[in-house]
Each structure stands twice: as structure tokens, then as C-alpha cells.
C-alpha atoms as a PDB file:
ATOM      1  CA  MET A   1       0.000   0.000   0.000  1.00  0.00           C
ATOM      2  CA  SER A   2       1.419   3.424  -0.989  1.00  0.00           C
ATOM      3  CA  SER A   3       1.315   6.499   1.173  1.00  0.00           C
ATOM      4  CA  VAL A   4       1.384  10.216   0.545  1.00  0.00           C
ATOM      5  CA  LEU A   5       4.805  10.336   2.188  1.00  0.00           C
ATOM      6  CA  TYR A   6       6.479   7.256   0.729  1.00  0.00           C
ATOM      7  CA  ASP A   7       6.000   4.455  -1.804  1.00  0.00           C
ATOM      8  CA  ALA A   8       5.108   0.912  -0.886  1.00  0.00           C
ATOM      9  CA  GLN A   9       8.108  -1.170   0.201  1.00  0.00           C
ATOM     10  CA  GLY A  10       9.445  -3.826  -2.089  1.00  0.00           C
ATOM     11  CA  PRO A  11      10.626  -7.296  -1.006  1.00  0.00           C
ATOM     12  CA  ARG A  12      14.243  -6.161  -0.491  1.00  0.00           C
ATOM     13  CA  ALA A  13      13.194  -3.127   1.551  1.00  0.00           C
ATOM     14  CA  LYS A  14      11.026  -5.327   3.782  1.00  0.00           C
ATOM     15  CA  GLN A  15      13.932  -7.726   4.319  1.00  0.00           C
ATOM     16  CA  ARG A  16      16.254  -4.837   5.172  1.00  0.00           C
ATOM     17  CA  ASN A  17      13.750  -3.426   7.674  1.00  0.00           C
ATOM     18  CA  ILE A  18      13.395  -6.821   9.342  1.00  0.00           C
ATOM     19  CA  LEU A  19      17.175  -7.126   9.543  1.00  0.00           C
ATOM     20  CA  TYR A  20      17.540  -3.624  11.020  1.00  0.00           C
ATOM     21  CA  THR A  21      14.831  -4.375  13.577  1.00  0.00           C
ATOM     22  CA  VAL A  22      16.531  -7.581  14.682  1.00  0.00           C
ATOM     23  CA  LEU A  23      19.905  -5.820  14.950  1.00  0.00           C
ATOM     24  CA  PHE A  24      18.377  -2.985  16.970  1.00  0.00           C
ATOM     25  CA  VAL A  25      16.687  -5.412  19.379  1.00  0.00           C
ATOM     26  CA  LEU A  26      19.943  -7.343  19.834  1.00  0.00           C
ATOM     27  CA  CYS A  27      21.915  -4.147  20.471  1.00  0.00           C
ATOM     28  CA  ALA A  28      19.306  -2.907  22.955  1.00  0.00           C
ATOM     29  CA  ALA A  29      19.352  -6.259  24.749  1.00  0.00           C
ATOM     30  CA  ALA A  30      23.163  -6.140  24.897  1.00  0.00           C
ATOM     31  CA  VAL A  31      23.096  -2.638  26.427  1.00  0.00           C
ATOM     32  CA  VAL A  32      20.486  -3.700  28.989  1.00  0.00           C
ATOM     33  CA  TRP A  33      22.548  -6.747  29.921  1.00  0.00           C
ATOM     34  CA  TRP A  34      25.735  -4.639  30.183  1.00  0.00           C
ATOM     35  CA  VAL A  35      24.008  -2.181  32.558  1.00  0.00           C
ATOM     36  CA  TYR A  36      22.466  -5.003  34.589  1.00  0.00           C
ATOM     37  CA  ASP A  37      25.769  -6.866  34.871  1.00  0.00           C
ATOM     38  CA  GLY A  38      27.594  -3.700  35.964  1.00  0.00           C
ATOM     39  CA  LEU A  39      25.009  -2.910  38.656  1.00  0.00           C
ATOM     40  CA  ALA A  40      24.979  -6.508  39.877  1.00  0.00           C
ATOM     41  CA  GLU A  41      28.791  -6.557  40.044  1.00  0.00           C
ATOM     42  CA  LYS A  42      28.735  -3.464  42.278  1.00  0.00           C
ATOM     43  CA  HIS A  43      25.971  -5.048  44.422  1.00  0.00           C
ATOM     44  CA  GLN A  44      23.520  -2.247  43.632  1.00  0.00           C
ATOM     45  CA  LEU A  45      20.765  -4.777  42.915  1.00  0.00           C
ATOM     46  CA  ASP A  46      21.130  -6.693  46.171  1.00  0.00           C
ATOM     47  CA  TRP A  47      17.957  -6.896  48.223  1.00  0.00           C
ATOM     48  CA  ILE A  48      19.644  -5.250  51.195  1.00  0.00           C
ATOM     49  CA  LYS A  49      19.948  -2.028  49.145  1.00  0.00           C
ATOM     50  CA  TRP A  50      16.215  -1.949  48.341  1.00  0.00           C
ATOM     51  CA  LYS A  51      14.882  -3.438  51.577  1.00  0.00           C
ATOM     52  CA  PRO A  52      14.508  -0.148  53.561  1.00  0.00           C
ATOM     53  CA  PHE A  53      11.937   1.216  51.075  1.00  0.00           C
ATOM     54  CA  PHE A  54       9.691  -1.856  51.445  1.00  0.00           C
ATOM     55  CA  THR A  55      10.097  -2.824  55.076  1.00  0.00           C
ATOM     56  CA  SER A  56      10.438   0.435  57.011  1.00  0.00           C
ATOM     57  CA  PRO A  57       8.609   3.793  56.980  1.00  0.00           C
ATOM     58  CA  GLN A  58      11.753   5.619  58.101  1.00  0.00           C
ATOM     59  CA  PRO A  59      13.176   6.558  54.666  1.00  0.00           C
ATOM     60  CA  TRP A  60       9.739   7.781  53.586  1.00  0.00           C
ATOM     61  CA  GLU A  61       9.066   9.815  56.717  1.00  0.00           C
ATOM     62  CA  THR A  62      12.596  11.149  57.219  1.00  0.00           C
ATOM     63  CA  TYR A  63      13.769  11.868  53.681  1.00  0.00           C
ATOM     64  CA  ILE A  64      11.273  11.323  50.876  1.00  0.00           C
ATOM     65  CA  TRP A  65       8.104  12.924  52.279  1.00  0.00           C
ATOM     66  CA  PRO A  66       9.808  16.163  53.502  1.00  0.00           C
ATOM     67  CA  GLY A  67      11.582  16.463  50.135  1.00  0.00           C
ATOM     68  CA  LEU A  68       8.345  15.902  48.237  1.00  0.00           C
ATOM     69  CA  GLN A  69       6.610  18.546  50.361  1.00  0.00           C
ATOM     70  CA  ASN A  70       9.297  21.098  49.514  1.00  0.00           C
ATOM     71  CA  THR A  71       9.105  20.218  45.820  1.00  0.00           C
ATOM     72  CA  LEU A  72       5.334  20.673  45.757  1.00  0.00           C
ATOM     73  CA  LYS A  73       5.552  23.862  47.832  1.00  0.00           C
ATOM     74  CA  ALA A  74       8.056  25.485  45.470  1.00  0.00           C
ATOM     75  CA  ALA A  75       6.109  24.379  42.392  1.00  0.00           C
ATOM     76  CA  PHE A  76       2.823  25.634  43.852  1.00  0.00           C
ATOM     77  CA  PHE A  77       4.133  29.087  44.754  1.00  0.00           C
ATOM     78  CA  ALA A  78       5.909  29.393  41.405  1.00  0.00           C
ATOM     79  CA  LEU A  79       2.754  28.487  39.487  1.00  0.00           C
ATOM     80  CA  ILE A  80       0.326  30.785  41.313  1.00  0.00           C
ATOM     81  CA  ILE A  81       2.720  33.713  40.822  1.00  0.00           C
ATOM     82  CA  ALA A  82       3.852  32.907  37.266  1.00  0.00           C
ATOM     83  CA  LEU A  83       0.387  32.207  35.853  1.00  0.00           C
ATOM     84  CA  PRO A  84      -1.164  35.666  36.407  1.00  0.00           C
ATOM     85  CA  LEU A  85       2.112  37.335  35.429  1.00  0.00           C
ATOM     86  CA  GLY A  86       2.208  35.259  32.255  1.00  0.00           C
ATOM     87  CA  ALA A  87      -1.391  36.169  31.432  1.00  0.00           C
ATOM     88  CA  LEU A  88      -0.655  39.865  32.056  1.00  0.00           C
ATOM     89  CA  PHE A  89       2.451  39.970  29.871  1.00  0.00           C
ATOM     90  CA  GLY A  90       0.868  37.733  27.213  1.00  0.00           C
ATOM     91  CA  ILE A  91      -2.028  40.173  26.909  1.00  0.00           C
ATOM     92  CA  GLY A  92       0.460  43.050  27.003  1.00  0.00           C
ATOM     93  CA  ARG A  93       2.219  41.628  23.953  1.00  0.00           C
ATOM     94  CA  LEU A  94      -1.079  41.849  22.075  1.00  0.00           C
ATOM     95  CA  SER A  95      -1.716  45.470  23.031  1.00  0.00           C
ATOM     96  CA  ASP A  96      -2.396  48.051  20.326  1.00  0.00           C
ATOM     97  CA  HIS A  97      -0.218  50.522  22.239  1.00  0.00           C
ATOM     98  CA  ARG A  98       3.445  50.274  21.354  1.00  0.00           C
ATOM     99  CA  TRP A  99       4.540  51.643  24.737  1.00  0.00           C
ATOM    100  CA  VAL A 100       2.868  48.576  26.305  1.00  0.00           C
ATOM    101  CA  ARG A 101       3.659  45.981  23.636  1.00  0.00           C
ATOM    102  CA  MET A 102       7.393  46.713  23.304  1.00  0.00           C
ATOM    103  CA  PRO A 103       8.389  46.586  27.022  1.00  0.00           C
ATOM    104  CA  ALA A 104       6.280  43.467  27.533  1.00  0.00           C
ATOM    105  CA  GLY A 105       7.995  41.786  24.592  1.00  0.00           C
ATOM    106  CA  ILE A 106      11.479  42.768  25.827  1.00  0.00           C
ATOM    107  CA  VAL A 107      10.828  41.432  29.335  1.00  0.00           C
ATOM    108  CA  VAL A 108       9.381  38.158  28.046  1.00  0.00           C
ATOM    109  CA  GLU A 109      12.184  37.531  25.561  1.00  0.00           C
ATOM    110  CA  LEU A 110      14.836  38.452  28.147  1.00  0.00           C
ATOM    111  CA  PHE A 111      13.751  36.015  30.848  1.00  0.00           C
ATOM    112  CA  ARG A 112      12.854  33.303  28.344  1.00  0.00           C
ATOM    113  CA  ALA A 113      16.427  33.367  27.025  1.00  0.00           C
ATOM    114  CA  ILE A 114      18.161  33.027  30.419  1.00  0.00           C
ATOM    115  CA  PRO A 115      18.507  29.484  31.846  1.00  0.00           C
ATOM    116  CA  VAL A 116      16.401  28.972  34.945  1.00  0.00           C
ATOM    117  CA  LEU A 117      19.421  27.839  36.974  1.00  0.00           C
ATOM    118  CA  ILE A 118      21.188  31.158  36.397  1.00  0.00           C
ATOM    119  CA  LEU A 119      18.048  33.005  37.484  1.00  0.00           C
ATOM    120  CA  MET A 120      17.978  30.973  40.701  1.00  0.00           C
ATOM    121  CA  ILE A 121      21.639  31.713  41.431  1.00  0.00           C
ATOM    122  CA  ILE A 122      21.181  35.445  40.760  1.00  0.00           C
ATOM    123  CA  ALA A 123      18.075  35.551  42.952  1.00  0.00           C
ATOM    124  CA  ASN A 124      19.911  33.779  45.764  1.00  0.00           C
ATOM    125  CA  ALA A 125      22.795  36.264  45.552  1.00  0.00           C
ATOM    126  CA  VAL A 126      20.414  39.237  45.537  1.00  0.00           C
ATOM    127  CA  TYR A 127      18.512  37.935  48.567  1.00  0.00           C
ATOM    128  CA  ALA A 128      21.761  37.295  50.428  1.00  0.00           C
ATOM    129  CA  GLU A 129      23.138  40.776  49.654  1.00  0.00           C
ATOM    130  CA  TYR A 130      20.135  43.060  49.890  1.00  0.00           C
ATOM    131  CA  THR A 131      17.600  41.337  52.170  1.00  0.00           C
ATOM    132  CA  THR A 132      17.438  39.953  55.666  1.00  0.00           C
ATOM    133  CA  ILE A 133      15.736  36.699  54.686  1.00  0.00           C
ATOM    134  CA  ASP A 134      16.789  33.860  56.967  1.00  0.00           C
ATOM    135  CA  THR A 135      19.322  31.483  55.471  1.00  0.00           C
ATOM    136  CA  ASP A 136      17.048  28.520  56.170  1.00  0.00           C
ATOM    137  CA  VAL A 137      14.317  29.752  53.811  1.00  0.00           C
ATOM    138  CA  ARG A 138      16.487  31.714  51.377  1.00  0.00           C
ATOM    139  CA  PRO A 139      16.925  28.707  49.017  1.00  0.00           C
ATOM    140  CA  LEU A 140      13.130  28.393  48.767  1.00  0.00           C
ATOM    141  CA  TYR A 141      12.808  32.087  47.882  1.00  0.00           C
ATOM    142  CA  ALA A 142      15.581  31.808  45.301  1.00  0.00           C
ATOM    143  CA  VAL A 143      14.136  28.681  43.685  1.00  0.00           C
ATOM    144  CA  VAL A 144      10.631  30.154  43.503  1.00  0.00           C
ATOM    145  CA  THR A 145      11.951  33.434  42.103  1.00  0.00           C
ATOM    146  CA  GLY A 146      13.981  31.707  39.406  1.00  0.00           C
ATOM    147  CA  LEU A 147      11.048  29.495  38.454  1.00  0.00           C
ATOM    148  CA  VAL A 148       8.679  32.473  38.326  1.00  0.00           C
ATOM    149  CA  LEU A 149      10.975  34.632  36.193  1.00  0.00           C
ATOM    150  CA  TYR A 150      11.535  31.900  33.635  1.00  0.00           C
ATOM    151  CA  ASN A 151       8.115  30.285  33.525  1.00  0.00           C
ATOM    152  CA  PHE A 152       6.023  33.460  33.460  1.00  0.00           C
ATOM    153  CA  SER A 153       7.799  34.365  30.199  1.00  0.00           C
ATOM    154  CA  VAL A 154       6.983  30.949  28.729  1.00  0.00           C
ATOM    155  CA  LEU A 155       3.390  31.160  29.958  1.00  0.00           C
ATOM    156  CA  ALA A 156       3.114  34.629  28.406  1.00  0.00           C
ATOM    157  CA  GLU A 157       3.917  33.125  25.015  1.00  0.00           C
ATOM    158  CA  ILE A 158       1.393  30.347  25.617  1.00  0.00           C
ATOM    159  CA  VAL A 159      -1.309  32.910  26.448  1.00  0.00           C
ATOM    160  CA  ARG A 160      -0.440  35.049  23.439  1.00  0.00           C
ATOM    161  CA  ALA A 161      -0.478  32.071  21.081  1.00  0.00           C
ATOM    162  CA  GLY A 162      -3.732  30.755  22.553  1.00  0.00           C
ATOM    163  CA  ILE A 163      -5.515  34.069  22.041  1.00  0.00           C
ATOM    164  CA  GLU A 164      -4.152  34.511  18.533  1.00  0.00           C
ATOM    165  CA  THR A 165      -5.541  31.110  17.487  1.00  0.00           C
ATOM    166  CA  LEU A 166      -9.109  32.338  18.038  1.00  0.00           C
ATOM    167  CA  PRO A 167     -11.076  33.495  14.971  1.00  0.00           C
ATOM    168  CA  LYS A 168     -10.791  37.237  14.376  1.00  0.00           C
ATOM    169  CA  GLY A 169     -14.560  37.395  14.056  1.00  0.00           C
ATOM    170  CA  GLN A 170     -14.855  37.043  17.821  1.00  0.00           C
ATOM    171  CA  ALA A 171     -13.151  40.372  18.532  1.00  0.00           C
ATOM    172  CA  GLU A 172     -14.743  42.108  15.561  1.00  0.00           C
ATOM    173  CA  ALA A 173     -18.248  41.077  16.586  1.00  0.00           C
ATOM    174  CA  ALA A 174     -17.593  42.189  20.171  1.00  0.00           C
ATOM    175  CA  LYS A 175     -16.446  45.587  18.883  1.00  0.00           C
ATOM    176  CA  ALA A 176     -19.635  45.840  16.832  1.00  0.00           C
ATOM    177  CA  LEU A 177     -21.592  45.368  20.046  1.00  0.00           C
ATOM    178  CA  GLY A 178     -19.760  48.332  21.591  1.00  0.00           C
ATOM    179  CA  MET A 179     -17.578  46.353  24.017  1.00  0.00           C
ATOM    180  CA  ARG A 180     -14.355  47.920  25.233  1.00  0.00           C
ATOM    181  CA  LYS A 181     -10.980  46.273  24.584  1.00  0.00           C
ATOM    182  CA  SER A 182     -10.663  45.121  28.179  1.00  0.00           C
ATOM    183  CA  GLN A 183     -14.153  43.597  28.055  1.00  0.00           C
ATOM    184  CA  ILE A 184     -13.355  41.814  24.799  1.00  0.00           C
ATOM    185  CA  MET A 185     -10.188  40.320  26.260  1.00  0.00           C
ATOM    186  CA  LEU A 186     -11.635  39.278  29.631  1.00  0.00           C
ATOM    187  CA  SER A 187     -15.150  38.252  28.595  1.00  0.00           C
ATOM    188  CA  VAL A 188     -14.711  36.942  25.052  1.00  0.00           C
ATOM    189  CA  LEU A 189     -11.157  35.926  24.152  1.00  0.00           C
ATOM    190  CA  LEU A 190      -9.609  34.621  27.369  1.00  0.00           C
ATOM    191  CA  PRO A 191     -12.475  32.261  28.352  1.00  0.00           C
ATOM    192  CA  GLN A 192     -12.422  30.642  24.918  1.00  0.00           C
ATOM    193  CA  ALA A 193      -8.629  30.388  24.802  1.00  0.00           C
ATOM    194  CA  VAL A 194      -8.442  28.563  28.153  1.00  0.00           C
ATOM    195  CA  THR A 195      -9.273  25.175  26.660  1.00  0.00           C
ATOM    196  CA  ALA A 196      -6.680  25.577  23.903  1.00  0.00           C
ATOM    197  CA  MET A 197      -4.009  26.716  26.366  1.00  0.00           C
ATOM    198  CA  LEU A 198      -4.692  24.125  29.063  1.00  0.00           C
ATOM    199  CA  PRO A 199      -2.462  21.268  27.805  1.00  0.00           C
ATOM    200  CA  ALA A 200       0.485  23.623  27.316  1.00  0.00           C
ATOM    201  CA  ILE A 201      -0.028  25.198  30.746  1.00  0.00           C
ATOM    202  CA  VAL A 202      -0.042  21.808  32.465  1.00  0.00           C
ATOM    203  CA  SER A 203       3.022  20.765  30.467  1.00  0.00           C
ATOM    204  CA  GLN A 204       4.749  23.842  31.842  1.00  0.00           C
ATOM    205  CA  LEU A 205       3.633  22.851  35.343  1.00  0.00           C
ATOM    206  CA  VAL A 206       5.400  19.520  34.836  1.00  0.00           C
ATOM    207  CA  VAL A 207       8.530  21.456  33.844  1.00  0.00           C
ATOM    208  CA  ILE A 208       8.231  23.577  37.012  1.00  0.00           C
ATOM    209  CA  VAL A 209       8.008  20.462  39.194  1.00  0.00           C
ATOM    210  CA  LYS A 210      11.114  18.961  37.604  1.00  0.00           C
ATOM    211  CA  ASP A 211      13.091  22.218  37.668  1.00  0.00           C
ATOM    212  CA  THR A 212      12.823  22.415  41.447  1.00  0.00           C
ATOM    213  CA  ALA A 213      15.580  19.787  41.434  1.00  0.00           C
ATOM    214  CA  LEU A 214      18.009  22.452  40.191  1.00  0.00           C
ATOM    215  CA  GLY A 215      17.656  24.245  43.505  1.00  0.00           C
ATOM    216  CA  GLY A 216      18.567  21.093  45.356  1.00  0.00           C
ATOM    217  CA  ALA A 217      21.633  20.562  43.191  1.00  0.00           C
ATOM    218  CA  MET A 218      23.031  24.105  43.438  1.00  0.00           C
ATOM    219  CA  MET A 219      21.586  25.861  46.500  1.00  0.00           C
ATOM    220  CA  THR A 220      20.995  23.140  49.086  1.00  0.00           C
ATOM    221  CA  PHE A 221      17.243  23.445  48.690  1.00  0.00           C
ATOM    222  CA  PRO A 222      15.911  20.284  50.432  1.00  0.00           C
ATOM    223  CA  GLU A 223      13.608  19.116  47.644  1.00  0.00           C
ATOM    224  CA  LEU A 224      12.854  15.544  46.591  1.00  0.00           C
ATOM    225  CA  LEU A 225      15.952  14.863  44.501  1.00  0.00           C
ATOM    226  CA  ALA A 226      18.222  16.389  47.165  1.00  0.00           C
ATOM    227  CA  SER A 227      17.002  13.734  49.602  1.00  0.00           C
ATOM    228  CA  VAL A 228      18.943  11.078  47.668  1.00  0.00           C
ATOM    229  CA  ARG A 229      22.347  12.072  49.045  1.00  0.00           C
ATOM    230  CA  PRO A 230      21.611  11.809  52.804  1.00  0.00           C
ATOM    231  CA  MET A 231      19.323   8.834  52.240  1.00  0.00           C
ATOM    232  CA  SER A 232      21.986   6.936  50.311  1.00  0.00           C
ATOM    233  CA  ALA A 233      24.615   7.749  52.944  1.00  0.00           C
ATOM    234  CA  ASN A 234      22.352   6.477  55.712  1.00  0.00           C
ATOM    235  CA  TYR A 235      21.414   3.201  54.016  1.00  0.00           C
ATOM    236  CA  GLY A 236      24.726   1.857  52.822  1.00  0.00           C
ATOM    237  CA  ALA A 237      25.394   3.701  49.554  1.00  0.00           C
ATOM    238  CA  ASN A 238      22.264   2.417  47.844  1.00  0.00           C
ATOM    239  CA  THR A 239      22.439   5.218  45.262  1.00  0.00           C
ATOM    240  CA  ILE A 240      20.711   3.357  42.440  1.00  0.00           C
ATOM    241  CA  ALA A 241      17.817   2.312  44.666  1.00  0.00           C
ATOM    242  CA  CYS A 242      17.359   5.866  45.967  1.00  0.00           C
ATOM    243  CA  PHE A 243      17.448   7.425  42.508  1.00  0.00           C
ATOM    244  CA  THR A 244      15.030   4.799  41.189  1.00  0.00           C
ATOM    245  CA  ILE A 245      12.486   5.438  43.950  1.00  0.00           C
ATOM    246  CA  VAL A 246      12.718   9.220  43.488  1.00  0.00           C
ATOM    247  CA  ALA A 247      12.419   8.873  39.706  1.00  0.00           C
ATOM    248  CA  LEU A 248       9.293   6.732  40.117  1.00  0.00           C
ATOM    249  CA  ILE A 249       7.779   9.359  42.425  1.00  0.00           C
ATOM    250  CA  PHE A 250       8.439  12.084  39.842  1.00  0.00           C
ATOM    251  CA  LEU A 251       6.960   9.823  37.168  1.00  0.00           C
ATOM    252  CA  VAL A 252       3.762   9.186  39.138  1.00  0.00           C
ATOM    253  CA  LEU A 253       3.417  12.860  40.072  1.00  0.00           C
ATOM    254  CA  ASN A 254       3.842  14.166  36.533  1.00  0.00           C
ATOM    255  CA  PHE A 255       1.623  11.428  35.092  1.00  0.00           C
ATOM    256  CA  ALA A 256      -1.101  12.426  37.549  1.00  0.00           C
ATOM    257  CA  LEU A 257      -0.784  16.063  36.467  1.00  0.00           C
ATOM    258  CA  THR A 258      -1.019  15.277  32.758  1.00  0.00           C
ATOM    259  CA  SER A 259      -3.923  12.865  33.321  1.00  0.00           C
ATOM    260  CA  PHE A 260      -5.777  15.544  35.285  1.00  0.00           C
ATOM    261  CA  ALA A 261      -5.117  18.035  32.472  1.00  0.00           C
ATOM    262  CA  ARG A 262      -6.555  15.650  29.862  1.00  0.00           C
ATOM    263  CA  TRP A 263      -9.633  15.035  32.008  1.00  0.00           C
ATOM    264  CA  LEU A 264     -10.118  18.765  32.618  1.00  0.00           C
ATOM    265  CA  GLU A 265      -9.732  19.550  28.930  1.00  0.00           C
ATOM    266  CA  ARG A 266     -12.345  16.942  27.985  1.00  0.00           C
ATOM    267  CA  TRP A 267     -14.658  18.242  30.712  1.00  0.00           C
ATOM    268  CA  LEU A 268     -14.316  21.821  29.480  1.00  0.00           C
ATOM    269  CA  ARG A 269     -14.989  20.780  25.898  1.00  0.00           C
ATOM    270  CA  ARG A 270     -18.089  18.790  26.897  1.00  0.00           C
ATOM    271  CA  ASN A 271     -19.294  21.666  29.039  1.00  0.00           C
ATOM    272  CA  LYS A 272     -18.750  24.075  26.170  1.00  0.00           C
ATOM    273  CA  LYS A 273     -20.655  21.863  23.751  1.00  0.00           C
ATOM    274  CA  GLY A 274     -23.486  21.464  26.240  1.00  0.00           C
ATOM    275  CA  LYS A 275     -23.872  25.235  26.510  1.00  0.00           C
ATOM    276  CA  GLY A 276     -23.164  26.026  22.910  1.00  0.00           C
ATOM    277  CA  ALA A 277     -26.677  25.627  21.534  1.00  0.00           C
ATOM    278  CA  ALA A 278     -29.606  27.871  22.265  1.00  0.00           C
ATOM    279  CA  PRO A 279     -33.005  26.292  23.027  1.00  0.00           C
ATOM    280  CA  GLY A 280     -34.181  26.940  19.490  1.00  0.00           C
ATOM    281  CA  GLY A 281     -31.164  25.200  17.968  1.00  0.00           C
ATOM    282  CA  ALA A 282     -29.305  28.355  16.914  1.00  0.00           C
ATOM    283  CA  PRO A 283     -25.547  28.435  17.532  1.00  0.00           C
ATOM    284  CA  GLU A 284     -24.422  30.352  20.572  1.00  0.00           C
ATOM    285  CA  THR A 285     -20.993  31.407  21.781  1.00  0.00           C
ATOM    286  CA  ILE A 286     -20.167  31.066  25.471  1.00  0.00           C
ATOM    287  CA  GLY A 287     -20.185  34.431  27.197  1.00  0.00           C
ATOM    288  CA  THR A 288     -21.171  36.259  23.987  1.00  0.00           C
ATOM    289  CA  PRO A 289     -24.575  34.908  22.935  1.00  0.00           C
ATOM    290  CA  SER A 290     -25.057  37.456  20.158  1.00  0.00           C
ATOM    291  CA  LEU A 291     -21.732  36.841  18.394  1.00  0.00           C
ATOM    292  CA  VAL A 292     -21.480  34.945  15.121  1.00  0.00           C
ATOM    293  CA  VAL A 293     -18.054  33.389  14.624  1.00  0.00           C
ATOM    294  CA  ASP A 294     -18.313  32.740  10.889  1.00  0.00           C
ATOM    295  CA  ASP A 295     -18.338  36.289   9.589  1.00  0.00           C
ATOM    296  CA  GLY A 296     -17.887  38.342  12.786  1.00  0.00           C
ATOM    297  CA  ARG A 297     -21.180  40.218  12.455  1.00  0.00           C
ATOM    298  CA  ALA A 298     -23.561  40.789  15.348  1.00  0.00           C
ATOM    299  CA  ALA A 299     -26.674  38.702  15.194  1.00  0.00           C
END
């Protein structure tokens, strides 16, 4: 069977593909065996290395749970600060006024171009030099600040792109009804762009959760990944076991976030469809019942 992208494979091509597949599987199996043999030789797969996580609550209560709490705390504060800032600067980039659009664009592009780790280090230095924040909580402030400065710029681009994907007829019809620009943005464009932006916003939340580990690596922030070092030292250098458990926790946490985002997106779409039709069967737009999307004219 032919495809738009490529022609149907001939007998020789099929044989080559089968050969390449077999070679790839053999190479992958060899790499897996090499890794397994190396870990077994260093006794990293011995039951005694993994036993504390399955037989005692101590590693969970002493190391993992406090680290997970700090990770979630930093991610939560970063998100609730970065999200409104991102919405504000994303809308600012769409402003008709150049004196608003240009500074917003410069700020967004500046912080989006700087690595988040550098922002954390700069924030930590600024807090140490110019504030009286206690050294025990200063790493949390620095991590949250770095995450906010980087992620609000990314969220601003997500907001801008989400609004620009909407049909122009929405704004034109709202103008025809005499709505002000602020009313159009808050009552017409933003509510409809939420569904389109939701997957990208949650993907950025996953990035925020993972980037908290940078604070643990560079500024002694006691987040989840930073708990590996003291935990491994306390339980007989079981580094592989500790990293595996922490990686699984990150995996479950991020999978839960993405699953919730998919459910919320489906729920919003169903809710929108359920409210999208007037009793008489005429199409209706959420929040703007007299707007017609097709040609942008008021009904």
C-alpha cells in the first residue's frame, strides 16, 4: 500500500527493515545486559539495598516525604505567581499601544532566554546581599523566584499564542456590540482560549516540578531529589535504589498532572458543547450569545 509520504516497500526493503529491527533489538538487549551486569557486580541490585523502602517507613518519613513537600511547595508558589504574570504579559504583547507591547515583549524575551538555573543563582545572591531573609528559607525564595521569572515568560507566550488562534470574528463582533478592549479580552477571548491553552499550561507545570531539582543541586534546597544524598549515605550507599524510587515518584506525580489536564480539557470541551446551543437550535458562543463566529457580524 502506498502512502502520501512514501511508496510501498518492495521485497528487499522489507527484508532490510526486518534485519535492522533484529539488529536494533539485539543491540538494545546487549546494552540492557551490560548495565544489569555492571550494577549486579557493584551489588547495587542486592535486596539489602532496596529493603529499607519496602520494610520500614523511616526513609519515607525522614527523607522522601519532607523532600516531596518542599518540591510541591516550590512548584505551587511558582505556578500561582507565574500564571497571572504570564497572562498579564501575554495580553500586554497583544496590546495596540506600542509603549505597552514593546516593554512586555522585551521582558518576556529576556527572561525566556536566560537558563532557569542562572536566574535561581542570581536571585539567591540578591537575597543574600540586599535582604534579611533567613538562610534557612532563602533557598526556597531563590528557587521560587527563578522558576517564576523563567516560567512566566513561557506562559506569556502560551497565552499570546492561545488568544491569537481564536477566529478574528470574535473580537470584531464584540467591537460591533460596543464592548471595550478590556471587556473583549476578559469576557470573550480569554475564556475561549483557556481550553486551547490548558495542555500547554499543564506541560509547563510539569517542567516547574522537575526544575525544582536544580535548587537542590546548586543551593541546598531540600527538595525531593536532594534527599537522595543523605538517604543513600544512611542506608549503605544504595544510590541506584534511591534514585530509582525518586524517579518513580516524579513519574507518578507528573503522570497524575497530565492525566488531570486531559480530564479537565475533555470536561471543558463537553461543558462548552453542552452550553453552545440555544433552546431553538441556533448556535451560541459562550459568554457572547449574540456573536457569530463565521463572519464576525452581530446577530
